[in-house]
N, C-alpha and C. Protein backbone atom coordinates (compact mmCIF):
# COMPACT_ATOMS: atom_id res chain seq x y z
N MET A 1 1.94 -16.89 14.30
CA MET A 1 1.61 -16.47 13.57
C MET A 1 0.88 -15.12 13.60
N ALA A 2 1.04 -14.22 13.10
CA ALA A 2 0.50 -12.89 13.33
C ALA A 2 -1.29 -12.56 12.66
N GLN A 3 -2.28 -12.35 13.06
CA GLN A 3 -3.48 -12.18 12.95
C GLN A 3 -3.96 -10.70 13.26
N THR A 4 -4.21 -10.45 12.29
CA THR A 4 -5.05 -8.92 12.38
C THR A 4 -6.38 -9.05 11.31
N THR A 5 -7.68 -8.95 12.48
CA THR A 5 -9.06 -8.69 11.71
C THR A 5 -9.80 -7.87 12.51
N TYR A 6 -10.20 -6.99 11.63
CA TYR A 6 -11.42 -6.35 11.85
C TYR A 6 -12.41 -5.08 10.81
N ALA A 7 -13.52 -4.99 10.99
CA ALA A 7 -14.72 -4.67 10.09
C ALA A 7 -14.56 -2.91 10.14
N GLU A 8 -14.44 -2.32 9.44
CA GLU A 8 -14.83 -0.98 9.09
C GLU A 8 -15.61 -0.72 8.22
N ARG A 9 -16.59 0.59 8.09
CA ARG A 9 -17.39 1.13 7.74
C ARG A 9 -16.68 1.91 6.88
N THR A 10 -16.93 1.68 4.97
CA THR A 10 -16.47 2.68 4.16
C THR A 10 -17.89 3.14 3.60
N ALA A 11 -17.10 4.29 2.86
CA ALA A 11 -18.40 4.80 1.95
C ALA A 11 -19.43 3.46 1.37
N GLN A 12 -18.77 2.45 0.91
CA GLN A 12 -19.42 1.10 0.28
C GLN A 12 -20.36 0.26 1.24
N ALA A 13 -19.50 0.10 1.63
CA ALA A 13 -20.04 -0.78 2.77
C ALA A 13 -18.96 -1.54 3.74
N PRO A 14 -19.09 -2.09 4.49
CA PRO A 14 -18.10 -2.30 5.69
C PRO A 14 -17.07 -3.48 4.76
N GLN A 15 -16.08 -3.56 5.47
CA GLN A 15 -14.97 -4.61 4.85
C GLN A 15 -14.41 -5.56 6.36
N LEU A 16 -14.14 -6.26 5.73
CA LEU A 16 -13.15 -7.51 6.42
C LEU A 16 -11.57 -7.32 6.00
N ARG A 17 -10.86 -7.37 7.12
CA ARG A 17 -9.33 -7.43 6.81
C ARG A 17 -8.35 -8.23 7.49
N TYR A 18 -7.76 -9.08 7.06
CA TYR A 18 -7.04 -9.77 7.29
C TYR A 18 -5.58 -10.16 7.09
N VAL A 19 -4.48 -10.08 8.27
CA VAL A 19 -3.01 -10.07 7.72
C VAL A 19 -2.45 -11.43 8.57
N ARG A 20 -1.54 -12.11 7.37
CA ARG A 20 -1.24 -13.35 8.01
C ARG A 20 0.29 -13.16 7.81
N THR A 21 1.31 -13.59 8.79
CA THR A 21 2.44 -14.07 8.07
C THR A 21 2.52 -15.61 8.10
N LEU A 22 3.03 -15.87 7.29
CA LEU A 22 3.20 -16.89 6.66
C LEU A 22 4.56 -17.90 6.85
N ASP A 23 5.17 -18.80 7.12
CA ASP A 23 6.58 -19.31 7.29
C ASP A 23 6.75 -19.94 5.53
N CYS A 24 6.49 -19.26 4.64
CA CYS A 24 7.23 -19.59 3.33
C CYS A 24 7.33 -18.70 2.50
N ASP A 25 8.35 -18.49 1.57
CA ASP A 25 8.32 -17.23 0.71
C ASP A 25 7.44 -16.69 -0.03
N ALA A 26 7.57 -15.66 -0.36
CA ALA A 26 6.25 -14.84 -1.35
C ALA A 26 5.99 -15.57 -2.75
N ASP A 27 6.99 -16.29 -3.50
CA ASP A 27 6.47 -16.94 -4.63
C ASP A 27 6.00 -18.00 -4.16
N ARG A 28 6.35 -18.94 -3.25
CA ARG A 28 5.34 -20.22 -2.65
C ARG A 28 3.91 -19.76 -2.42
N LEU A 29 4.06 -18.68 -1.60
CA LEU A 29 2.43 -18.10 -1.02
C LEU A 29 1.73 -18.14 -2.55
N TRP A 30 2.37 -17.50 -3.72
CA TRP A 30 1.61 -17.08 -4.84
C TRP A 30 1.02 -18.16 -5.39
N ASN A 31 1.80 -19.30 -5.23
CA ASN A 31 1.72 -20.42 -6.12
C ASN A 31 0.10 -20.74 -5.22
N LEU A 32 0.52 -20.79 -4.02
CA LEU A 32 -0.71 -21.47 -3.30
C LEU A 32 -1.77 -20.43 -3.22
N ILE A 33 -1.85 -19.42 -3.64
CA ILE A 33 -3.22 -18.54 -3.43
C ILE A 33 -3.57 -18.36 -5.11
N THR A 34 -3.33 -18.78 -6.15
CA THR A 34 -2.94 -18.83 -7.67
C THR A 34 -3.22 -20.47 -7.98
N ASN A 35 -2.61 -20.90 -8.01
CA ASN A 35 -2.76 -22.21 -9.02
C ASN A 35 -4.10 -23.05 -8.28
N PRO A 36 -4.90 -23.18 -9.35
CA PRO A 36 -6.02 -23.85 -9.12
C PRO A 36 -5.91 -25.50 -8.47
N GLU A 37 -5.17 -26.07 -8.60
CA GLU A 37 -4.91 -27.32 -8.15
C GLU A 37 -4.48 -26.77 -6.18
N LEU A 38 -3.93 -26.10 -6.28
CA LEU A 38 -3.28 -25.86 -4.75
C LEU A 38 -4.12 -24.88 -4.25
N LEU A 39 -5.16 -24.17 -4.62
CA LEU A 39 -5.92 -22.85 -4.16
C LEU A 39 -7.47 -24.40 -3.56
N SER A 40 -7.67 -25.33 -4.36
CA SER A 40 -8.52 -26.38 -3.79
C SER A 40 -7.82 -26.58 -2.82
N GLY A 41 -7.12 -26.93 -2.44
CA GLY A 41 -6.09 -27.65 -1.55
C GLY A 41 -6.49 -27.03 -0.18
N TRP A 42 -6.80 -25.64 -0.04
CA TRP A 42 -7.26 -25.29 1.31
C TRP A 42 -8.13 -24.15 1.09
N LEU A 43 -8.97 -23.83 0.10
CA LEU A 43 -10.55 -22.97 -0.35
C LEU A 43 -11.39 -23.69 -0.26
N GLY A 44 -11.31 -24.48 -1.00
CA GLY A 44 -12.41 -25.22 -1.40
C GLY A 44 -12.68 -25.80 -2.58
N ARG A 45 -12.86 -26.37 -3.61
CA ARG A 45 -13.00 -26.67 -4.76
C ARG A 45 -13.08 -25.50 -5.80
N THR A 46 -11.76 -25.39 -6.32
CA THR A 46 -11.74 -23.99 -7.14
C THR A 46 -11.81 -24.40 -8.84
N VAL A 47 -12.41 -23.47 -9.53
CA VAL A 47 -12.24 -23.88 -10.81
C VAL A 47 -11.87 -22.60 -11.30
N LEU A 48 -11.00 -22.10 -12.44
CA LEU A 48 -10.76 -20.80 -12.82
C LEU A 48 -10.54 -20.92 -14.33
N SER A 49 -11.17 -20.33 -15.04
CA SER A 49 -11.49 -20.16 -16.58
C SER A 49 -10.05 -19.77 -17.07
N ASP A 50 -9.53 -18.92 -16.44
CA ASP A 50 -8.34 -18.15 -16.72
C ASP A 50 -7.43 -17.80 -15.34
N THR A 51 -6.12 -18.43 -15.40
CA THR A 51 -5.39 -18.23 -13.95
C THR A 51 -4.90 -16.61 -13.82
N GLN A 52 -5.42 -15.67 -14.59
CA GLN A 52 -4.76 -14.01 -14.81
C GLN A 52 -5.76 -13.41 -14.72
N TYR A 53 -6.74 -13.21 -15.80
CA TYR A 53 -7.61 -12.62 -15.67
C TYR A 53 -8.78 -13.14 -16.36
N GLY A 54 -9.62 -14.05 -15.25
CA GLY A 54 -10.96 -14.76 -15.74
C GLY A 54 -11.92 -14.94 -14.49
N GLY A 55 -12.47 -15.69 -15.15
CA GLY A 55 -13.80 -15.91 -13.91
C GLY A 55 -13.56 -17.16 -13.70
N PHE A 56 -13.91 -17.38 -12.41
CA PHE A 56 -13.51 -18.11 -11.58
C PHE A 56 -15.01 -19.03 -10.73
N LEU A 57 -15.12 -20.10 -10.42
CA LEU A 57 -16.02 -20.78 -9.43
C LEU A 57 -15.23 -21.22 -8.33
N VAL A 58 -15.93 -21.15 -6.97
CA VAL A 58 -15.37 -21.67 -5.48
C VAL A 58 -16.77 -22.18 -5.07
N ALA A 59 -16.20 -23.33 -4.91
CA ALA A 59 -17.50 -24.51 -4.17
C ALA A 59 -16.96 -24.72 -2.88
N ALA A 60 -16.91 -24.23 -1.72
CA ALA A 60 -16.03 -24.64 -0.52
C ALA A 60 -17.41 -25.59 -0.04
N ASP A 61 -16.65 -26.54 0.78
CA ASP A 61 -17.35 -27.69 1.55
C ASP A 61 -19.08 -27.45 1.59
N ALA A 62 -19.09 -26.08 2.62
CA ALA A 62 -20.03 -26.30 3.32
C ALA A 62 -20.87 -24.63 2.74
N HIS A 63 -20.46 -24.32 2.21
CA HIS A 63 -20.84 -23.03 1.50
C HIS A 63 -21.40 -23.17 0.05
N PRO A 64 -22.28 -22.04 0.15
CA PRO A 64 -22.74 -22.21 -1.47
C PRO A 64 -21.53 -21.77 -2.62
N GLN A 65 -21.90 -22.19 -3.86
CA GLN A 65 -21.12 -21.76 -4.80
C GLN A 65 -20.83 -20.08 -4.84
N GLN A 66 -19.26 -19.51 -4.93
CA GLN A 66 -18.97 -18.58 -5.31
C GLN A 66 -18.29 -18.32 -6.74
N THR A 67 -18.99 -17.16 -7.61
CA THR A 67 -18.48 -17.15 -8.65
C THR A 67 -17.93 -15.64 -8.82
N GLY A 68 -17.04 -15.38 -9.74
CA GLY A 68 -16.28 -14.26 -9.14
C GLY A 68 -15.87 -13.86 -11.17
N MET A 69 -14.92 -12.95 -10.90
CA MET A 69 -14.11 -12.50 -12.20
C MET A 69 -12.79 -11.78 -11.14
N VAL A 70 -11.60 -11.90 -11.73
CA VAL A 70 -10.23 -11.59 -11.31
C VAL A 70 -10.39 -10.40 -12.16
N THR A 71 -10.27 -9.18 -11.34
CA THR A 71 -10.67 -7.67 -12.36
C THR A 71 -8.63 -7.03 -12.40
N THR A 72 -8.02 -7.42 -11.89
CA THR A 72 -6.76 -6.63 -11.68
C THR A 72 -6.09 -8.02 -11.53
N CYS A 73 -4.60 -7.88 -11.66
CA CYS A 73 -3.42 -9.23 -11.52
C CYS A 73 -2.31 -8.75 -11.34
N GLU A 74 -1.34 -8.62 -10.55
CA GLU A 74 -0.15 -8.03 -10.86
C GLU A 74 1.01 -9.33 -10.18
N PRO A 75 1.22 -10.11 -10.86
CA PRO A 75 1.75 -11.34 -10.64
C PRO A 75 3.58 -10.92 -9.89
N PRO A 76 3.70 -11.54 -8.87
CA PRO A 76 3.46 -12.41 -7.86
C PRO A 76 2.91 -11.27 -6.81
N HIS A 77 2.46 -10.30 -7.10
CA HIS A 77 2.51 -9.01 -5.90
C HIS A 77 0.83 -8.86 -5.24
N TYR A 78 -0.39 -8.96 -6.13
CA TYR A 78 -1.72 -8.84 -5.63
C TYR A 78 -2.40 -9.39 -6.91
N PHE A 79 -3.94 -9.24 -6.49
CA PHE A 79 -4.59 -9.53 -7.10
C PHE A 79 -6.09 -8.92 -6.85
N GLN A 80 -7.15 -8.40 -7.37
CA GLN A 80 -8.19 -7.97 -7.07
C GLN A 80 -9.32 -9.13 -8.07
N ALA A 81 -10.22 -9.06 -7.54
CA ALA A 81 -11.57 -10.10 -7.93
C ALA A 81 -12.53 -9.95 -7.13
N ALA A 82 -13.87 -9.13 -8.32
CA ALA A 82 -15.15 -9.21 -7.90
C ALA A 82 -15.96 -10.57 -7.51
N PHE A 83 -16.52 -10.70 -6.26
CA PHE A 83 -17.18 -11.94 -5.99
C PHE A 83 -18.72 -11.62 -5.91
N ASN A 84 -19.82 -12.53 -6.67
CA ASN A 84 -21.01 -12.73 -6.43
C ASN A 84 -21.27 -13.08 -5.61
N ASP A 85 -22.64 -12.33 -4.95
CA ASP A 85 -23.41 -12.57 -3.91
C ASP A 85 -24.67 -12.11 -3.82
N PRO A 86 -25.30 -12.89 -4.78
CA PRO A 86 -26.99 -13.00 -4.70
C PRO A 86 -27.47 -13.43 -3.76
N PRO A 87 -28.56 -12.75 -3.33
CA PRO A 87 -29.03 -11.55 -4.13
C PRO A 87 -28.26 -10.56 -3.67
N HIS A 88 -27.16 -10.17 -2.66
CA HIS A 88 -26.62 -9.15 -2.38
C HIS A 88 -25.69 -8.26 -3.50
N HIS A 89 -25.27 -7.14 -3.56
CA HIS A 89 -24.00 -6.82 -4.57
C HIS A 89 -22.82 -7.21 -4.59
N PRO A 90 -21.98 -7.47 -5.57
CA PRO A 90 -20.84 -8.19 -5.50
C PRO A 90 -20.22 -7.38 -4.42
N THR A 91 -19.03 -8.13 -4.08
CA THR A 91 -18.36 -7.95 -3.10
C THR A 91 -16.57 -7.68 -3.80
N THR A 92 -15.73 -7.25 -3.55
CA THR A 92 -14.75 -7.22 -3.95
C THR A 92 -13.46 -7.58 -2.73
N VAL A 93 -12.50 -8.54 -3.38
CA VAL A 93 -11.30 -8.95 -2.51
C VAL A 93 -10.24 -8.62 -3.43
N LEU A 94 -9.55 -8.27 -2.48
CA LEU A 94 -7.98 -7.89 -3.04
C LEU A 94 -7.05 -8.66 -2.12
N VAL A 95 -6.05 -9.15 -2.69
CA VAL A 95 -5.02 -10.08 -2.29
C VAL A 95 -3.97 -9.45 -2.20
N ASP A 96 -3.04 -9.22 -1.26
CA ASP A 96 -1.37 -9.11 -1.23
C ASP A 96 -0.69 -9.76 -0.88
N VAL A 97 0.76 -9.83 -1.55
CA VAL A 97 2.04 -10.94 -1.11
C VAL A 97 2.71 -9.71 -1.09
N VAL A 98 3.17 -9.89 0.20
CA VAL A 98 4.29 -9.11 0.58
C VAL A 98 5.65 -9.98 0.94
N PRO A 99 6.90 -10.02 0.50
CA PRO A 99 7.64 -10.74 1.25
C PRO A 99 8.31 -10.11 2.25
N ALA A 100 8.66 -10.86 3.57
CA ALA A 100 8.95 -10.71 4.62
C ALA A 100 10.84 -10.76 4.78
N GLU A 101 10.91 -10.70 5.92
CA GLU A 101 12.63 -10.86 6.35
C GLU A 101 12.68 -12.52 6.34
N HIS A 102 11.56 -12.93 7.44
CA HIS A 102 11.32 -14.64 7.58
C HIS A 102 10.21 -14.65 7.10
N GLY A 103 9.87 -15.11 5.87
CA GLY A 103 8.35 -15.50 5.55
C GLY A 103 7.59 -14.45 4.43
N SER A 104 6.41 -14.62 4.78
CA SER A 104 5.75 -13.63 4.32
C SER A 104 4.38 -13.30 4.27
N HIS A 105 3.94 -12.01 3.91
CA HIS A 105 3.15 -11.89 4.49
C HIS A 105 1.55 -11.75 3.78
N LEU A 106 0.53 -12.38 3.73
CA LEU A 106 -0.62 -11.94 3.10
C LEU A 106 -1.81 -10.86 3.92
N ILE A 107 -2.12 -10.18 2.86
CA ILE A 107 -3.06 -9.36 3.16
C ILE A 107 -4.27 -9.17 2.22
N LEU A 108 -5.17 -9.76 2.89
CA LEU A 108 -6.84 -10.04 2.22
C LEU A 108 -7.70 -9.41 2.76
N THR A 109 -8.32 -8.28 1.64
CA THR A 109 -9.67 -7.54 2.29
C THR A 109 -10.45 -8.23 1.16
N GLN A 110 -11.32 -8.11 1.92
CA GLN A 110 -12.80 -7.82 1.13
C GLN A 110 -14.10 -6.54 1.42
N GLY A 111 -14.20 -5.88 0.56
CA GLY A 111 -14.82 -4.67 0.70
C GLY A 111 -15.97 -4.58 0.27
N GLY A 112 -17.20 -4.11 0.37
CA GLY A 112 -18.55 -3.90 -0.29
C GLY A 112 -19.34 -4.95 0.44
N ILE A 113 -19.27 -5.51 1.48
CA ILE A 113 -19.91 -6.75 2.10
C ILE A 113 -21.18 -5.80 2.38
N HIS A 114 -22.52 -6.82 2.38
CA HIS A 114 -23.47 -6.29 3.21
C HIS A 114 -23.44 -6.43 4.63
N PRO A 115 -23.74 -5.56 5.30
CA PRO A 115 -23.76 -5.80 6.84
C PRO A 115 -24.47 -7.27 7.38
N SER A 116 -25.27 -7.50 6.66
CA SER A 116 -26.06 -9.07 7.27
C SER A 116 -25.13 -10.18 6.63
N ARG A 117 -23.84 -9.94 6.02
CA ARG A 117 -22.96 -11.36 5.21
C ARG A 117 -21.69 -10.82 5.84
N LEU A 118 -21.55 -9.65 7.33
CA LEU A 118 -19.94 -9.75 7.52
C LEU A 118 -19.53 -11.41 8.35
N ALA A 119 -20.44 -11.87 9.33
CA ALA A 119 -20.26 -12.80 10.11
C ALA A 119 -20.04 -13.82 8.91
N TYR A 120 -20.94 -14.39 8.23
CA TYR A 120 -20.70 -15.29 7.34
C TYR A 120 -19.50 -15.03 6.53
N TYR A 121 -18.77 -14.12 6.29
CA TYR A 121 -17.26 -13.93 5.30
C TYR A 121 -16.29 -13.87 6.48
N ASP A 122 -16.32 -13.38 7.86
CA ASP A 122 -15.67 -14.06 8.83
C ASP A 122 -15.25 -15.22 8.80
N VAL A 123 -16.15 -15.80 9.12
CA VAL A 123 -16.41 -17.38 9.84
C VAL A 123 -15.60 -18.11 8.32
N PHE A 124 -16.13 -17.60 6.82
CA PHE A 124 -15.80 -18.48 5.82
C PHE A 124 -13.83 -18.25 5.68
N TRP A 125 -13.55 -16.58 5.92
CA TRP A 125 -11.83 -16.30 5.69
C TRP A 125 -11.31 -16.88 6.72
N ASN A 126 -11.86 -16.99 7.92
CA ASN A 126 -10.71 -17.63 9.17
C ASN A 126 -10.48 -18.77 8.76
N ALA A 127 -11.85 -19.84 8.54
CA ALA A 127 -11.39 -21.24 8.61
C ALA A 127 -10.45 -21.32 7.11
N ALA A 128 -10.55 -20.38 6.00
CA ALA A 128 -9.77 -20.54 4.89
C ALA A 128 -8.58 -20.25 5.14
N LEU A 129 -8.28 -19.29 6.01
CA LEU A 129 -6.64 -18.76 6.39
C LEU A 129 -6.23 -19.91 7.07
N HIS A 130 -7.16 -20.42 7.94
CA HIS A 130 -6.12 -21.72 8.79
C HIS A 130 -5.59 -22.49 7.81
N HIS A 131 -6.61 -23.16 7.05
CA HIS A 131 -6.31 -23.82 5.94
C HIS A 131 -5.34 -23.77 5.25
N LEU A 132 -5.04 -22.65 4.98
CA LEU A 132 -3.94 -21.99 4.36
C LEU A 132 -2.19 -22.47 4.87
N GLU A 133 -2.86 -21.54 6.32
CA GLU A 133 -1.48 -22.09 7.20
C GLU A 133 -0.96 -23.45 7.32
N GLN A 134 -2.08 -24.16 7.58
CA GLN A 134 -1.69 -25.84 7.65
C GLN A 134 -1.00 -26.02 6.00
N ALA A 135 -1.68 -25.60 5.09
CA ALA A 135 -1.01 -26.01 3.46
C ALA A 135 0.56 -25.76 3.42
N VAL A 136 0.59 -24.17 4.06
CA VAL A 136 1.96 -24.22 4.02
C VAL A 136 3.08 -25.04 4.76
N GLN A 137 2.25 -25.45 5.86
CA GLN A 137 3.28 -26.71 6.66
C GLN A 137 3.79 -27.91 6.35
N ASP A 138 2.71 -28.30 5.18
CA ASP A 138 2.72 -29.44 4.24
C ASP A 138 3.60 -29.06 3.31
N ARG A 139 4.54 -29.64 2.78
CA ARG A 139 5.21 -29.12 1.76
C ARG A 139 4.49 -29.04 0.12
N SER A 140 3.84 -30.04 0.43
CA SER A 140 2.95 -30.34 -0.95
C SER A 140 2.11 -29.51 -1.46
N GLY A 141 1.92 -28.63 -0.64
CA GLY A 141 0.63 -27.34 -0.41
C GLY A 141 -0.74 -27.92 -0.28
N ARG A 142 -1.07 -29.02 -0.20
CA ARG A 142 -2.75 -29.94 -0.01
C ARG A 142 -2.56 -29.72 1.24
N PHE A 143 -3.95 -29.21 1.14
CA PHE A 143 -4.56 -29.06 3.30
C PHE A 143 -5.13 -30.61 2.81
N LEU A 144 -5.13 -31.36 3.60
CA LEU A 144 -5.80 -32.67 3.51
C LEU A 144 -7.04 -33.07 4.60
N GLY A 145 -6.93 -32.33 5.43
CA GLY A 145 -7.82 -32.49 6.62
C GLY A 145 -7.57 -32.02 7.65
N GLU A 146 -8.36 -32.18 9.02
CA GLU A 146 -8.16 -31.71 10.05
C GLU A 146 -7.84 -33.08 10.98
C-alpha cells in the first residue's frame, strides 16, 4: 500500500495528509467511509445524525469523543467535515475517493490543526487507516480486532 504522510504549515494552521491505495473499488471504499455501521467497524463507534449533511459523533476506543458536522458532500467522490476539538478551534477533514486502475485511492487531509495536536491526530489517523486497510481485506467491511 502506498502511504504518504506529511504536515505542512498553511495560513490557518498545520495540516496532515494521508494517501492510501486500497484493494477495492471506489464504490466499496465510499461505503466503508460513509456507512455508519461500516465506519464504526474501523474508525470507532460512530453515530451519524444524517449520512449526507448532518452532525456526527465519533467515539474511538481510547480517544475522547469527537463531534462534527459534514459541510460538503459529493457522493461518491468526496466529503468535508468540521471536527470540534475543544478547547482548540475546530479542524477540517476532507476525504477524497479516487478510482484507480487497480483499486481506489483515499486522500484524507485534516487542516487547521493546532500545532500541539499534530502528534495526536497523526497517531489517530494512522491507526484508523490501518484498520480501514484491514476492513478492506475483510469482505464484510468490519474490522474485528488485531
